[in-house]
Amino acid sequence: MQLHFSPSMKSLTISSSNGFVDLMKIKVAARHISYRTLFHTILILAFLLPFVFILTALVTLEGVNKCSSFDCLGRRLGPKLLGRGDDSRQRLVSELYKNLNQVNSIEVPDGIKLPDNFTQLVSEMKSSKYNAKEFAIILKGMMERSEKEIRESKFAELVNKHFAASSVPKGIHCLSLRLTDEYSSNAHARRQLPSPEFLPVLSDNSYYHFILSTDNILAASVVVTSAVQSSITPEKIVFHVITDKKTYAGMHSWFALNPSPPAIIEVKGVHQFDWLTRDNIPVLEAVENHNGVRNYYHGNHVVGTNLSDTTPRSFASKLQARSPKYISLLNHLRIYLPELFPNLDKVVFLDDDVVIQRDLSTLWELDLGGKVNGAVETCQGEDSWVMSKRFRTYFNFSHPLIARSLDPEECAWAYGMNIFDLRAWRKTNIRETYHTWLKENLKSNLTLWRLGTLPPALIAFRGHVQPIDPSWHLLGLGYQSKTSIESVKKAAVIHYNGQSKPWLEIGFEHLRPFWSKYVNYSNDFVKNCHILE
């Protein structure tokens, strides 16, 4: 770019660097020009010329270097200087948006043939020369097909996860079989639990009594071991382990061969409780024998479900509610604690998927204010999925009986780690209320609620629950992997409620170590059954 003044100072010429093209020629009137005016003119031009040069270069790169006049250059650069693009491009974009909006409101034809992938789409576009609307319809069809396939895969994954969570892992099944065989062949595995000299302790209220109801030997061992190791006074701990008849021999063998001194452990089968008769628990027999119940918990979990109107999270909750454990007597036993342990005043009831990380003896010192059940409420907390449970979560409020009997906004509470005042409990009609509502749900063909044993307990314990600090009981380690590790470390009891139990392959790897560190991998039975290998 060159700037040239004529000798007479009557003209000013701006030319390209090669001198062949005159970009701008300015004639000056024949009058005297002051040096000040000339200086300001040159200063302004010096400021503008770099921009003119840059725009000229852009035009040249775009293939318009044949512009040989300032008028042509102005037509090319004008829209760019004014912030406007090529009109043809704007029309193309506008037409595309128009077609997309039209296609958005129409259905993709059923018989339309859709490309299998992007490469095939590009190939067909070249050969078929789709117009914009045809292209938009095909693109919409491909996206809808992909969304449907992803959705179906997600539901299939949830069903498979449900079956994985409901099944017994090979290693745990092996452990139960080997220990049962040991019970029949090894007298030491059949020794009395506890030893005769400790029998009076089983009803001594100066001890800390824990009750654990389970048919999972490995899980029971972790609960007991973690409680003993976390206790300040382990010699004051008494564990009452209750199991079913088929697991009793294996469970007894484990704790006979692997005691946790100085704690005292009692193992008892449901068949060994005189109080558990059909006369006392007729409603539970009805639950187990009810055809609708059996079909609900053991039938096809997808038939009758409208997957198009169901979210994956809602479907997962429904599958969780169909776990067969919910019709097991072991899962209902907690409602009979005052009758099963008539000489005890206060007990802590634990689920088998918990780990104790802190001394729990101060739970017995909590003032429950005359209430029966000390529990953590689950309607508020940092975790919006686990700690957002109110009565509306569990009950069908479209049913007239539920709608007139319960408040949908009432806060729910958690099973899994509860301190029960059995003396206060014996003065209530909690058990009768529990039975009454179970019968009502059976009569309504399971339309009052679907989710396990907690709903009837929420009703039966209404007015008898004392909320305790959430740090006592952290829930949700079996539901999602987003659980805060810092919160896990601080909690007194962590609860792997949900499908992803730590002893299953579908358990969350980063949360498993908090549980697995209490597994005795050096034990011969554990090694031979290849637990968690």
Protein backbone atom coordinates (compact mmCIF):
# COMPACT_ATOMS: atom_id res chain seq x y z
CA MET A 1 0.00 0.00 0.00
CA GLN A 2 1.54 3.36 -1.10
CA LEU A 3 0.58 7.02 -0.53
CA HIS A 4 1.65 9.47 -3.30
CA PHE A 5 1.28 13.28 -3.53
CA SER A 6 1.54 15.02 -6.89
CA PRO A 7 4.29 17.70 -7.21
CA SER A 8 1.64 20.39 -7.41
CA MET A 9 -0.04 19.03 -4.27
CA LYS A 10 -3.34 18.97 -6.23
CA SER A 11 -3.91 15.25 -6.08
CA LEU A 12 -3.39 12.35 -3.66
CA THR A 13 -3.15 8.75 -4.92
CA ILE A 14 -3.46 5.51 -2.86
CA SER A 15 -2.22 2.45 -4.76
CA SER A 16 -1.48 -1.21 -4.11
CA SER A 17 2.05 -2.24 -3.34
CA ASN A 18 2.74 -3.36 -6.90
CA GLY A 19 1.58 -0.04 -8.31
CA PHE A 20 -0.75 -1.54 -10.92
CA VAL A 21 -4.08 -0.88 -9.28
CA ASP A 22 -5.17 2.52 -8.05
CA LEU A 23 -7.32 2.00 -5.05
CA MET A 24 -8.17 5.64 -4.36
CA LYS A 25 -7.44 8.97 -6.08
CA ILE A 26 -8.39 12.27 -4.48
CA LYS A 27 -8.22 15.63 -6.29
CA VAL A 28 -7.65 18.70 -4.19
CA ALA A 29 -9.11 22.06 -5.14
CA ALA A 30 -6.68 24.64 -6.38
CA ARG A 31 -6.35 26.64 -3.24
CA HIS A 32 -3.84 26.98 -0.54
CA ILE A 33 -3.75 24.10 1.96
CA SER A 34 -2.30 24.80 5.36
CA TYR A 35 0.29 22.43 6.77
CA ARG A 36 -1.92 21.85 9.82
CA THR A 37 -4.80 20.63 7.62
CA LEU A 38 -2.40 18.45 5.67
CA PHE A 39 -0.98 16.98 8.87
CA HIS A 40 -4.46 16.07 10.19
CA THR A 41 -5.42 14.53 6.85
CA ILE A 42 -2.33 12.34 6.78
CA LEU A 43 -2.92 11.32 10.40
CA ILE A 44 -6.51 10.22 9.67
CA LEU A 45 -5.45 8.32 6.58
CA ALA A 46 -2.66 6.58 8.49
CA PHE A 47 -5.28 5.38 10.96
CA LEU A 48 -7.70 4.09 8.30
CA LEU A 49 -5.26 2.50 5.89
CA PRO A 50 -4.45 -0.63 7.98
CA PHE A 51 -8.14 -1.50 8.13
CA VAL A 52 -8.54 -0.98 4.40
CA PHE A 53 -5.55 -3.25 3.83
CA ILE A 54 -6.94 -6.04 6.04
CA LEU A 55 -10.37 -5.99 4.37
CA THR A 56 -8.73 -5.98 0.95
CA ALA A 57 -6.71 -9.04 1.92
CA LEU A 58 -9.87 -10.83 3.08
CA VAL A 59 -11.64 -10.09 -0.16
CA THR A 60 -8.62 -11.34 -2.11
CA LEU A 61 -8.54 -14.59 -0.13
CA GLU A 62 -12.25 -15.10 -0.84
CA GLY A 63 -11.57 -15.08 -4.56
CA VAL A 64 -12.64 -11.55 -5.43
CA ASN A 65 -9.19 -10.23 -6.31
CA LYS A 66 -10.51 -9.25 -9.73
CA CYS A 67 -12.10 -6.16 -8.23
CA SER A 68 -10.18 -3.36 -9.99
CA SER A 69 -12.21 -0.40 -8.85
CA PHE A 70 -13.06 1.27 -5.61
CA ASP A 71 -16.76 0.88 -6.41
CA CYS A 72 -16.40 -2.91 -6.73
CA LEU A 73 -14.40 -3.06 -3.52
CA GLY A 74 -17.06 -1.02 -1.74
CA ARG A 75 -19.79 -3.39 -2.83
CA ARG A 76 -17.74 -6.31 -1.54
CA LEU A 77 -16.65 -4.78 1.73
CA GLY A 78 -19.73 -2.73 2.54
CA PRO A 79 -21.84 -5.54 4.05
CA LYS A 80 -18.86 -6.72 6.07
CA LEU A 81 -18.21 -3.23 7.42
CA LEU A 82 -21.87 -2.91 8.34
CA GLY A 83 -21.96 -6.35 10.02
CA ARG A 84 -24.12 -8.00 7.36
CA GLY A 85 -23.31 -11.34 5.72
CA ASP A 86 -24.16 -12.82 2.40
CA ASP A 87 -27.93 -12.67 1.76
CA SER A 88 -27.91 -16.09 0.11
CA ARG A 89 -26.42 -17.64 3.22
CA GLN A 90 -28.98 -15.94 5.43
CA ARG A 91 -31.76 -17.25 3.22
CA LEU A 92 -30.35 -20.77 3.43
CA VAL A 93 -30.17 -20.67 7.23
CA SER A 94 -33.67 -19.21 7.48
CA GLU A 95 -35.03 -21.92 5.20
CA LEU A 96 -33.35 -24.62 7.30
CA TYR A 97 -34.84 -23.24 10.53
CA LYS A 98 -38.24 -23.02 8.86
CA ASN A 99 -38.12 -26.67 7.78
CA LEU A 100 -36.92 -27.86 11.17
CA ASN A 101 -39.81 -26.07 12.88
CA GLN A 102 -42.28 -27.61 10.45
CA VAL A 103 -40.88 -31.11 10.90
CA ASN A 104 -40.90 -30.72 14.67
CA SER A 105 -44.68 -30.64 14.68
CA ILE A 106 -45.28 -33.64 12.37
CA GLU A 107 -44.83 -37.38 12.86
CA VAL A 108 -42.17 -39.31 11.02
CA PRO A 109 -43.94 -41.64 8.51
CA ASP A 110 -44.02 -45.27 9.65
CA GLY A 111 -42.75 -46.75 6.41
CA ILE A 112 -39.85 -44.39 5.91
CA LYS A 113 -36.49 -46.06 5.36
CA LEU A 114 -33.86 -44.53 7.63
CA PRO A 115 -30.08 -44.75 7.13
CA ASP A 116 -28.30 -46.97 9.63
CA ASN A 117 -25.51 -44.51 10.35
CA PHE A 118 -24.10 -41.09 9.46
CA THR A 119 -21.93 -42.42 6.62
CA GLN A 120 -24.97 -43.96 4.93
CA LEU A 121 -26.90 -40.70 5.44
CA VAL A 122 -24.20 -38.70 3.63
CA SER A 123 -24.08 -41.26 0.84
CA GLU A 124 -27.84 -41.17 0.32
CA MET A 125 -27.86 -37.37 0.39
CA LYS A 126 -25.39 -37.35 -2.52
CA SER A 127 -27.33 -39.91 -4.56
CA SER A 128 -30.93 -38.97 -3.71
CA LYS A 129 -30.46 -35.20 -3.49
CA TYR A 130 -32.87 -34.65 -0.60
CA ASN A 131 -34.52 -31.27 -0.27
CA ALA A 132 -34.28 -29.50 3.09
CA LYS A 133 -37.59 -30.81 4.40
CA GLU A 134 -36.87 -34.43 3.45
CA PHE A 135 -33.48 -34.18 5.09
CA ALA A 136 -35.04 -32.79 8.30
CA ILE A 137 -37.60 -35.62 8.43
CA ILE A 138 -34.93 -38.30 7.97
CA LEU A 139 -32.72 -36.65 10.61
CA LYS A 140 -35.63 -36.54 13.06
CA GLY A 141 -36.42 -40.21 12.41
CA MET A 142 -32.82 -41.22 13.07
CA MET A 143 -32.72 -39.26 16.32
CA GLU A 144 -36.03 -40.71 17.53
CA ARG A 145 -34.81 -44.22 16.72
CA SER A 146 -31.59 -43.63 18.67
CA GLU A 147 -33.48 -42.22 21.66
CA LYS A 148 -35.78 -45.26 21.68
CA GLU A 149 -32.85 -47.68 21.55
CA ILE A 150 -31.05 -45.87 24.37
CA ARG A 151 -34.21 -45.87 26.49
CA GLU A 152 -34.82 -49.59 25.92
CA SER A 153 -31.20 -50.35 26.78
CA LYS A 154 -31.52 -48.37 30.00
CA PHE A 155 -34.60 -50.29 31.09
CA ALA A 156 -32.95 -53.60 30.16
CA GLU A 157 -29.98 -52.59 32.28
CA LEU A 158 -32.26 -51.84 35.24
CA VAL A 159 -33.99 -55.21 34.95
CA ASN A 160 -30.66 -57.04 34.77
CA LYS A 161 -29.40 -55.07 37.75
CA HIS A 162 -32.54 -56.01 39.69
CA PHE A 163 -31.95 -59.71 39.06
CA ALA A 164 -28.26 -59.33 39.95
CA ALA A 165 -29.24 -57.65 43.22
CA SER A 166 -31.87 -60.30 44.05
CA SER A 167 -29.63 -63.28 43.37
CA VAL A 168 -27.14 -64.88 45.75
CA PRO A 169 -23.52 -64.55 44.58
CA LYS A 170 -21.71 -67.82 44.00
CA GLY A 171 -19.12 -67.08 46.69
CA ILE A 172 -21.72 -66.35 49.39
CA HIS A 173 -23.73 -69.44 48.42
CA CYS A 174 -20.53 -71.49 48.65
CA LEU A 175 -19.78 -70.05 52.09
CA SER A 176 -23.21 -71.04 53.40
CA LEU A 177 -22.94 -74.60 52.02
CA ARG A 178 -19.44 -75.20 53.38
CA LEU A 179 -20.33 -73.87 56.82
CA THR A 180 -23.50 -75.97 56.91
CA ASP A 181 -21.44 -79.04 56.10
CA GLU A 182 -19.00 -78.02 58.84
CA TYR A 183 -21.88 -77.85 61.33
CA SER A 184 -22.73 -81.50 60.69
CA SER A 185 -19.14 -82.77 60.85
CA ASN A 186 -17.39 -80.54 63.39
CA ALA A 187 -18.50 -80.58 67.03
CA HIS A 188 -16.76 -77.29 67.69
CA ALA A 189 -18.95 -75.66 65.03
CA ARG A 190 -21.99 -76.86 66.99
CA ARG A 191 -20.89 -75.55 70.37
CA GLN A 192 -23.44 -73.59 72.35
CA LEU A 193 -23.65 -69.86 71.59
CA PRO A 194 -23.02 -68.19 73.87
CA SER A 195 -21.26 -70.40 76.39
CA PRO A 196 -23.49 -71.43 79.34
CA GLU A 197 -21.78 -69.02 81.73
CA PHE A 198 -22.82 -66.06 79.55
CA LEU A 199 -26.50 -66.98 79.21
CA PRO A 200 -27.61 -64.53 81.96
CA VAL A 201 -26.04 -61.68 79.95
CA LEU A 202 -28.59 -62.22 77.17
CA SER A 203 -31.22 -60.52 79.30
CA ASP A 204 -28.96 -58.15 81.27
CA ASN A 205 -29.96 -54.55 80.52
CA SER A 206 -26.61 -53.16 81.66
CA TYR A 207 -25.18 -54.44 78.35
CA TYR A 208 -25.62 -52.94 74.89
CA HIS A 209 -27.93 -55.28 72.97
CA PHE A 210 -27.84 -55.30 69.16
CA ILE A 211 -30.32 -57.28 67.07
CA LEU A 212 -29.50 -58.40 63.54
CA SER A 213 -31.95 -60.33 61.35
CA THR A 214 -30.37 -61.84 58.22
CA ASP A 215 -29.69 -64.92 56.11
CA ASN A 216 -26.41 -63.51 54.75
CA ILE A 217 -23.50 -64.97 56.74
CA LEU A 218 -20.81 -62.75 55.22
CA ALA A 219 -22.84 -59.58 55.76
CA ALA A 220 -23.58 -60.58 59.36
CA SER A 221 -19.88 -61.09 60.03
CA VAL A 222 -19.09 -57.57 58.77
CA VAL A 223 -21.79 -55.97 60.94
CA VAL A 224 -20.58 -57.76 64.09
CA THR A 225 -16.88 -57.20 63.39
CA SER A 226 -17.30 -53.50 62.60
CA ALA A 227 -19.40 -52.94 65.74
CA VAL A 228 -16.86 -54.66 67.99
CA GLN A 229 -13.84 -52.92 66.46
CA SER A 230 -15.51 -49.49 66.65
CA SER A 231 -16.68 -49.86 70.25
CA ILE A 232 -15.00 -48.23 73.25
CA THR A 233 -16.35 -51.00 75.48
CA PRO A 234 -16.63 -54.13 73.28
CA GLU A 235 -16.92 -56.32 76.37
CA LYS A 236 -20.37 -54.79 76.95
CA ILE A 237 -21.70 -55.71 73.49
CA VAL A 238 -24.25 -58.49 73.01
CA PHE A 239 -25.33 -59.47 69.51
CA HIS A 240 -28.59 -61.36 68.92
CA VAL A 241 -28.32 -62.75 65.38
CA ILE A 242 -31.61 -64.11 64.02
CA THR A 243 -31.71 -66.15 60.82
CA ASP A 244 -34.02 -68.55 58.96
CA LYS A 245 -34.06 -72.32 59.31
CA LYS A 246 -32.08 -73.10 56.16
CA THR A 247 -29.24 -70.72 57.10
CA TYR A 248 -29.15 -71.47 60.83
CA ALA A 249 -26.50 -74.23 60.72
CA GLY A 250 -24.12 -72.18 58.56
CA MET A 251 -24.63 -69.00 60.60
CA HIS A 252 -24.05 -70.88 63.87
CA SER A 253 -20.89 -72.48 62.47
CA TRP A 254 -19.44 -69.14 61.43
CA PHE A 255 -19.77 -67.47 64.82
CA ALA A 256 -18.80 -70.63 66.71
CA LEU A 257 -15.59 -70.90 64.69
CA ASN A 258 -15.02 -67.14 64.37
CA PRO A 259 -16.04 -65.45 67.64
CA SER A 260 -15.52 -61.72 68.14
CA PRO A 261 -14.23 -61.50 71.70
CA PRO A 262 -14.89 -59.92 74.07
CA ALA A 263 -18.38 -59.40 72.58
CA ILE A 264 -21.06 -62.01 73.25
CA ILE A 265 -22.93 -63.48 70.30
CA GLU A 266 -26.18 -65.43 70.24
CA VAL A 267 -27.39 -67.12 67.03
CA LYS A 268 -31.02 -68.13 66.86
CA GLY A 269 -33.29 -69.40 64.10
CA VAL A 270 -36.86 -68.19 63.67
CA HIS A 271 -37.97 -71.79 64.30
CA GLN A 272 -36.49 -71.56 67.80
CA PHE A 273 -38.78 -68.73 68.97
CA ASP A 274 -41.82 -70.17 70.71
CA TRP A 275 -43.76 -66.94 70.22
CA LEU A 276 -43.52 -67.01 66.39
CA THR A 277 -46.60 -69.15 65.72
CA ARG A 278 -49.33 -68.91 63.12
CA ASP A 279 -51.72 -67.71 65.77
CA ASN A 280 -49.53 -64.68 66.54
CA ILE A 281 -48.55 -63.75 62.99
CA PRO A 282 -51.41 -64.92 60.72
CA VAL A 283 -51.17 -61.88 58.47
CA LEU A 284 -47.60 -62.74 57.46
CA GLU A 285 -48.65 -66.22 56.39
CA ALA A 286 -51.39 -64.57 54.32
CA VAL A 287 -48.80 -62.28 52.72
CA GLU A 288 -46.56 -65.19 51.75
CA ASN A 289 -49.44 -67.27 50.34
CA HIS A 290 -51.34 -64.48 48.57
CA ASN A 291 -51.27 -65.16 44.82
CA GLY A 292 -51.15 -61.47 43.95
CA VAL A 293 -48.18 -60.99 46.26
CA ARG A 294 -46.28 -63.93 44.83
CA ASN A 295 -46.92 -62.80 41.26
CA TYR A 296 -45.90 -59.26 42.14
CA TYR A 297 -42.58 -60.24 43.73
CA HIS A 298 -41.69 -63.28 41.63
CA GLY A 299 -43.46 -62.64 38.30
CA ASN A 300 -42.45 -60.78 35.14
CA HIS A 301 -41.41 -57.28 36.20
CA VAL A 302 -41.83 -55.70 32.76
CA VAL A 303 -45.23 -57.01 31.65
CA GLY A 304 -47.92 -54.41 32.26
CA THR A 305 -45.43 -51.57 32.61
CA ASN A 306 -45.81 -48.70 30.15
CA LEU A 307 -42.15 -47.89 29.60
CA SER A 308 -42.96 -44.88 27.40
CA ASP A 309 -44.65 -43.14 30.35
CA THR A 310 -42.13 -44.26 32.99
CA THR A 311 -38.84 -42.60 33.84
CA PRO A 312 -35.80 -44.83 34.50
CA ARG A 313 -35.64 -43.59 38.11
CA SER A 314 -39.32 -44.42 38.71
CA PHE A 315 -38.88 -47.83 37.09
CA ALA A 316 -35.81 -48.50 39.28
CA SER A 317 -37.84 -47.68 42.40
CA LYS A 318 -40.59 -50.08 41.32
CA LEU A 319 -38.05 -52.84 40.74
CA GLN A 320 -36.51 -52.18 44.15
CA ALA A 321 -39.97 -52.61 45.67
CA ARG A 322 -40.23 -56.04 44.05
CA SER A 323 -37.31 -57.56 45.91
CA PRO A 324 -38.42 -60.97 47.26
CA LYS A 325 -36.92 -60.10 50.65
CA TYR A 326 -39.97 -57.91 51.34
CA ILE A 327 -42.19 -60.98 51.84
CA SER A 328 -39.62 -62.75 54.01
CA LEU A 329 -40.44 -63.26 57.67
CA LEU A 330 -36.92 -62.06 58.53
CA ASN A 331 -37.77 -58.67 57.10
CA HIS A 332 -40.92 -58.38 59.23
CA LEU A 333 -39.35 -59.60 62.47
CA ARG A 334 -38.50 -56.11 63.74
CA ILE A 335 -42.17 -55.44 64.40
CA TYR A 336 -42.16 -58.27 67.00
CA LEU A 337 -39.09 -57.25 69.01
CA PRO A 338 -40.98 -56.61 72.31
CA GLU A 339 -42.40 -60.14 72.19
CA LEU A 340 -39.20 -61.85 71.02
CA PHE A 341 -37.07 -60.18 73.72
CA PRO A 342 -39.45 -59.74 76.65
CA ASN A 343 -36.68 -59.07 79.19
CA LEU A 344 -34.87 -56.30 77.32
CA ASP A 345 -35.57 -52.58 77.72
CA LYS A 346 -33.59 -50.92 74.91
CA VAL A 347 -32.08 -52.42 71.77
CA VAL A 348 -30.46 -51.22 68.56
CA PHE A 349 -31.81 -52.97 65.49
CA LEU A 350 -29.42 -53.18 62.52
CA ASP A 351 -29.89 -54.19 58.89
CA ASP A 352 -27.29 -56.54 57.43
CA ASP A 353 -26.07 -54.00 54.85
CA VAL A 354 -24.64 -51.53 57.38
CA VAL A 355 -21.15 -50.88 58.71
CA ILE A 356 -20.52 -49.42 62.18
CA GLN A 357 -17.70 -46.87 62.19
CA ARG A 358 -18.13 -45.26 65.61
CA ASP A 359 -18.94 -46.27 69.15
CA LEU A 360 -22.74 -46.52 69.48
CA SER A 361 -23.03 -46.86 73.26
CA THR A 362 -24.30 -43.28 73.62
CA LEU A 363 -27.42 -44.28 71.69
CA TRP A 364 -28.66 -45.94 74.89
CA GLU A 365 -28.28 -42.60 76.66
CA LEU A 366 -30.42 -40.64 74.16
CA ASP A 367 -33.61 -39.18 75.58
CA LEU A 368 -36.37 -40.41 73.28
CA GLY A 369 -38.94 -38.32 75.12
CA GLY A 370 -41.16 -41.29 75.81
CA LYS A 371 -41.15 -42.27 72.12
CA VAL A 372 -40.52 -45.81 70.89
CA ASN A 373 -38.32 -45.42 67.81
CA GLY A 374 -35.18 -43.28 67.55
CA ALA A 375 -34.56 -42.88 63.80
CA VAL A 376 -32.99 -40.56 61.24
CA GLU A 377 -35.56 -38.65 59.18
CA THR A 378 -35.21 -38.86 55.40
CA CYS A 379 -37.08 -35.78 54.18
CA GLN A 380 -34.19 -33.31 54.23
CA GLY A 381 -30.46 -33.44 53.63
CA GLU A 382 -27.71 -32.80 51.10
CA ASP A 383 -28.56 -35.83 48.97
CA SER A 384 -31.72 -34.85 47.07
CA TRP A 385 -32.36 -38.43 45.93
CA VAL A 386 -31.89 -40.37 49.17
CA MET A 387 -32.97 -37.66 51.62
CA SER A 388 -36.15 -36.44 49.95
CA LYS A 389 -38.60 -39.05 51.21
CA ARG A 390 -42.04 -38.07 52.47
CA PHE A 391 -45.20 -40.12 52.77
CA ARG A 392 -46.10 -39.28 49.16
CA THR A 393 -42.99 -41.25 48.13
CA TYR A 394 -44.35 -44.50 49.55
CA PHE A 395 -48.13 -44.32 49.45
CA ASN A 396 -50.77 -44.15 46.73
CA PHE A 397 -52.63 -40.97 47.64
CA SER A 398 -55.12 -41.48 44.81
CA HIS A 399 -56.62 -44.24 46.96
CA PRO A 400 -59.44 -42.81 49.16
CA LEU A 401 -58.33 -44.67 52.30
CA ILE A 402 -54.77 -43.31 52.06
CA ALA A 403 -55.95 -39.82 51.10
CA ARG A 404 -58.18 -39.45 54.17
CA SER A 405 -55.81 -41.19 56.62
CA LEU A 406 -52.36 -39.77 55.87
CA ASP A 407 -50.59 -36.50 55.10
CA PRO A 408 -48.50 -36.68 51.89
CA GLU A 409 -46.05 -34.10 53.27
CA GLU A 410 -45.33 -35.98 56.48
CA CYS A 411 -41.63 -36.73 56.86
CA ALA A 412 -40.48 -40.33 56.47
CA TRP A 413 -37.72 -41.98 58.50
CA ALA A 414 -35.25 -44.78 57.90
CA TYR A 415 -35.01 -48.40 58.90
CA GLY A 416 -31.51 -49.87 59.15
CA MET A 417 -30.22 -48.38 62.40
CA ASN A 418 -32.89 -47.73 65.01
CA ILE A 419 -32.78 -47.43 68.79
CA PHE A 420 -36.01 -48.97 70.16
CA ASP A 421 -37.36 -48.41 73.66
CA LEU A 422 -39.11 -51.75 74.17
CA ARG A 423 -40.66 -50.70 77.50
CA ALA A 424 -42.48 -47.81 75.81
CA TRP A 425 -43.31 -50.02 72.83
CA ARG A 426 -45.13 -52.57 74.99
CA LYS A 427 -47.58 -49.87 76.05
CA THR A 428 -48.70 -49.20 72.47
CA ASN A 429 -50.72 -50.95 69.76
CA ILE A 430 -48.01 -50.63 67.12
CA ARG A 431 -48.06 -54.32 66.18
CA GLU A 432 -51.85 -54.40 65.83
CA THR A 433 -51.80 -51.28 63.64
CA TYR A 434 -49.12 -52.85 61.47
CA HIS A 435 -51.21 -55.99 60.97
CA THR A 436 -54.36 -53.99 60.24
CA TRP A 437 -52.75 -52.01 57.44
CA LEU A 438 -51.10 -55.09 55.94
CA LYS A 439 -54.56 -56.68 55.72
CA GLU A 440 -56.00 -53.52 54.13
CA ASN A 441 -53.28 -53.55 51.49
CA LEU A 442 -53.98 -57.21 50.69
CA LYS A 443 -57.71 -56.50 50.43
CA SER A 444 -57.01 -53.60 48.04
CA ASN A 445 -54.83 -55.89 45.87
CA LEU A 446 -51.63 -54.05 46.88
CA THR A 447 -52.90 -50.67 45.73
CA LEU A 448 -52.19 -48.77 48.98
CA TRP A 449 -48.41 -49.07 48.61
CA ARG A 450 -45.84 -51.11 46.76
CA LEU A 451 -42.55 -50.51 48.51
CA GLY A 452 -41.56 -53.20 51.00
CA THR A 453 -42.06 -53.25 54.76
CA LEU A 454 -41.38 -49.61 55.52
CA PRO A 455 -44.83 -48.21 54.52
CA PRO A 456 -46.85 -50.17 57.12
CA ALA A 457 -44.18 -49.28 59.70
CA LEU A 458 -44.46 -45.58 58.81
CA ILE A 459 -48.16 -45.81 59.67
CA ALA A 460 -47.79 -48.03 62.73
CA PHE A 461 -45.09 -45.85 64.32
CA ARG A 462 -46.85 -42.53 63.68
CA GLY A 463 -46.52 -40.45 66.83
CA HIS A 464 -43.91 -42.82 68.25
CA VAL A 465 -40.77 -41.65 66.40
CA GLN A 466 -38.06 -39.45 67.91
CA PRO A 467 -35.77 -37.94 65.22
CA ILE A 468 -32.05 -38.37 65.92
CA ASP A 469 -29.05 -36.59 64.43
CA PRO A 470 -28.41 -37.59 60.78
CA SER A 471 -24.73 -38.21 61.54
CA TRP A 472 -25.78 -41.43 63.29
CA HIS A 473 -26.99 -43.04 60.07
CA LEU A 474 -25.86 -42.23 56.50
CA LEU A 475 -28.05 -43.82 53.84
CA GLY A 476 -27.89 -44.42 50.11
CA LEU A 477 -24.50 -46.10 49.55
CA GLY A 478 -26.25 -48.78 47.48
CA TYR A 479 -28.29 -46.34 45.40
CA GLN A 480 -25.79 -44.04 43.73
CA SER A 481 -22.09 -43.47 43.38
CA LYS A 482 -22.24 -39.74 44.13
CA THR A 483 -22.22 -40.23 47.90
CA SER A 484 -19.72 -37.84 49.50
CA ILE A 485 -16.65 -39.71 50.75
CA GLU A 486 -16.18 -37.11 53.49
CA SER A 487 -19.74 -37.73 54.70
CA VAL A 488 -19.09 -41.48 54.66
CA LYS A 489 -16.01 -41.07 56.82
CA LYS A 490 -17.84 -38.94 59.38
CA ALA A 491 -20.96 -41.12 59.79
CA ALA A 492 -21.39 -43.43 62.77
CA VAL A 493 -23.24 -46.00 60.65
CA ILE A 494 -23.15 -46.21 56.87
CA HIS A 495 -25.97 -48.01 55.12
CA TYR A 496 -25.68 -49.67 51.71
CA ASN A 497 -29.42 -49.61 51.17
CA GLY A 498 -30.28 -50.03 47.52
CA GLN A 499 -29.38 -52.59 44.89
CA SER A 500 -25.62 -52.08 44.73
CA LYS A 501 -24.62 -54.04 47.82
CA PRO A 502 -20.89 -54.11 48.54
CA TRP A 503 -20.75 -57.93 48.31
CA LEU A 504 -22.14 -57.84 44.76
CA GLU A 505 -20.20 -57.18 41.57
CA ILE A 506 -22.57 -54.27 40.86
CA GLY A 507 -21.48 -52.55 44.08
CA PHE A 508 -19.73 -49.19 43.73
CA GLU A 509 -15.98 -49.77 43.74
CA HIS A 510 -15.01 -46.56 45.55
CA LEU A 511 -17.53 -47.26 48.35
CA ARG A 512 -16.77 -50.97 48.75
CA PRO A 513 -13.55 -50.57 50.83
CA PHE A 514 -15.51 -49.13 53.77
CA TRP A 515 -17.25 -52.52 53.95
CA SER A 516 -14.63 -54.97 52.68
CA LYS A 517 -11.99 -53.92 55.24
CA TYR A 518 -14.02 -55.88 57.81
CA VAL A 519 -14.02 -59.09 55.74
CA ASN A 520 -11.57 -61.68 57.06
CA TYR A 521 -9.92 -62.71 53.79
CA SER A 522 -7.45 -64.93 55.64
CA ASN A 523 -10.28 -67.19 56.79
CA ASP A 524 -10.13 -70.58 55.06
CA PHE A 525 -13.83 -70.63 54.22
CA VAL A 526 -13.64 -67.15 52.69
CA LYS A 527 -10.51 -68.04 50.69
CA ASN A 528 -11.89 -71.35 49.43
CA CYS A 529 -15.11 -69.70 48.27
CA HIS A 530 -13.19 -66.93 46.47
CA ILE A 531 -15.23 -64.15 48.05
CA LEU A 532 -15.06 -60.93 45.99
CA GLU A 533 -12.25 -62.21 43.76
